[in-house]
Amino acid sequence: MVTLYDAESFTKYQFRVTAFLPDGQLANASTSDWISTLDRAFEPGPVGDIRATNASLRPDGLYLQTTISWEPAWEMLPMHH
């Protein structure tokens, strides 16, 4: 998990992520979709129905892939005009 500090309210950001592999090499970078921030004062409610599905583990045990999903906390999302 990464915490982004000093993000501006109502701004779009895009992230580029890479990983170190067990052999010390860098994995291919992946670029995220654009993500829009809300007002800094917004405090989301709790999410619900968190699920981890489609888990698979590589035979050597060094790689786990899964899909994580949840129901968002939609109550009182602020609207930006």
Protein backbone atom coordinates (compact mmCIF):
# COMPACT_ATOMS: atom_id res chain seq x y z
CA MET A 1 0.00 0.00 0.00
CA VAL A 2 1.19 3.49 -0.79
CA THR A 3 -0.03 6.72 0.79
CA LEU A 4 0.10 9.80 -1.38
CA TYR A 5 0.53 13.00 0.60
CA ASP A 6 -0.22 16.52 -0.60
CA ALA A 7 -2.52 15.42 -3.43
CA GLU A 8 -4.64 18.30 -4.68
CA SER A 9 -8.44 18.18 -4.40
CA PHE A 10 -10.35 17.45 -7.62
CA THR A 11 -7.17 16.61 -9.58
CA LYS A 12 -6.42 13.70 -11.92
CA TYR A 13 -3.31 11.59 -11.32
CA GLN A 14 -1.75 8.67 -13.13
CA PHE A 15 0.80 6.29 -11.59
CA ARG A 16 3.57 4.18 -13.08
CA VAL A 17 4.51 1.13 -11.02
CA THR A 18 7.27 -1.43 -11.33
CA ALA A 19 8.49 -4.22 -9.07
CA PHE A 20 11.76 -5.89 -8.18
CA LEU A 21 11.75 -9.56 -9.11
CA PRO A 22 13.30 -12.22 -6.84
CA ASP A 23 16.39 -12.31 -9.10
CA GLY A 24 16.94 -8.56 -8.62
CA GLN A 25 15.71 -7.54 -12.06
CA LEU A 26 12.98 -4.96 -12.61
CA ALA A 27 9.61 -6.11 -13.92
CA ASN A 28 7.97 -4.29 -16.80
CA ALA A 29 6.34 -1.08 -15.61
CA SER A 30 2.58 -0.76 -15.55
CA THR A 31 0.72 2.56 -15.89
CA SER A 32 -2.53 3.04 -14.01
CA ASP A 33 -5.76 4.48 -15.32
CA TRP A 34 -6.33 8.13 -14.45
CA ILE A 35 -7.51 8.54 -10.84
CA SER A 36 -9.45 11.62 -9.69
CA THR A 37 -9.17 12.89 -6.15
CA LEU A 38 -12.03 14.13 -4.00
CA ASP A 39 -12.04 17.07 -1.61
CA ARG A 40 -9.29 16.68 1.01
CA ALA A 41 -11.91 17.01 3.76
CA PHE A 42 -13.86 13.97 2.49
CA GLU A 43 -13.78 10.97 4.81
CA PRO A 44 -15.17 7.81 3.19
CA GLY A 45 -17.34 5.35 5.02
CA PRO A 46 -16.42 1.69 5.39
CA VAL A 47 -16.50 -0.53 2.32
CA GLY A 48 -18.48 -3.75 2.34
CA ASP A 49 -18.42 -7.29 0.98
CA ILE A 50 -14.63 -7.52 0.53
CA ARG A 51 -13.73 -10.60 -1.57
CA ALA A 52 -10.54 -12.25 -2.80
CA THR A 53 -11.22 -14.54 -5.78
CA ASN A 54 -9.36 -16.28 -8.59
CA ALA A 55 -6.30 -16.86 -6.42
CA SER A 56 -3.45 -18.74 -8.03
CA LEU A 57 0.00 -19.56 -6.69
CA ARG A 58 2.97 -20.33 -8.91
CA PRO A 59 4.42 -23.81 -8.19
CA ASP A 60 7.61 -22.35 -6.65
CA GLY A 61 5.45 -20.33 -4.23
CA LEU A 62 7.05 -17.01 -5.19
CA TYR A 63 4.08 -15.49 -6.98
CA LEU A 64 0.49 -15.09 -5.86
CA GLN A 65 -2.16 -13.51 -8.04
CA THR A 66 -5.71 -12.77 -6.93
CA THR A 67 -8.61 -10.47 -7.70
CA ILE A 68 -9.75 -8.28 -4.80
CA SER A 69 -13.15 -6.60 -5.00
CA TRP A 70 -15.50 -4.76 -2.66
CA GLU A 71 -18.67 -2.74 -2.51
CA PRO A 72 -17.80 0.97 -2.27
CA ALA A 73 -19.02 3.31 0.42
CA TRP A 74 -21.30 5.53 -1.66
CA GLU A 75 -23.07 7.41 1.06
CA MET A 76 -22.70 11.17 0.85
CA LEU A 77 -20.08 11.34 -1.91
CA PRO A 78 -19.37 15.03 -2.39
CA MET A 79 -20.23 16.58 -5.72
CA HIS A 80 -17.79 19.04 -7.27
CA HIS A 81 -19.32 21.85 -9.31
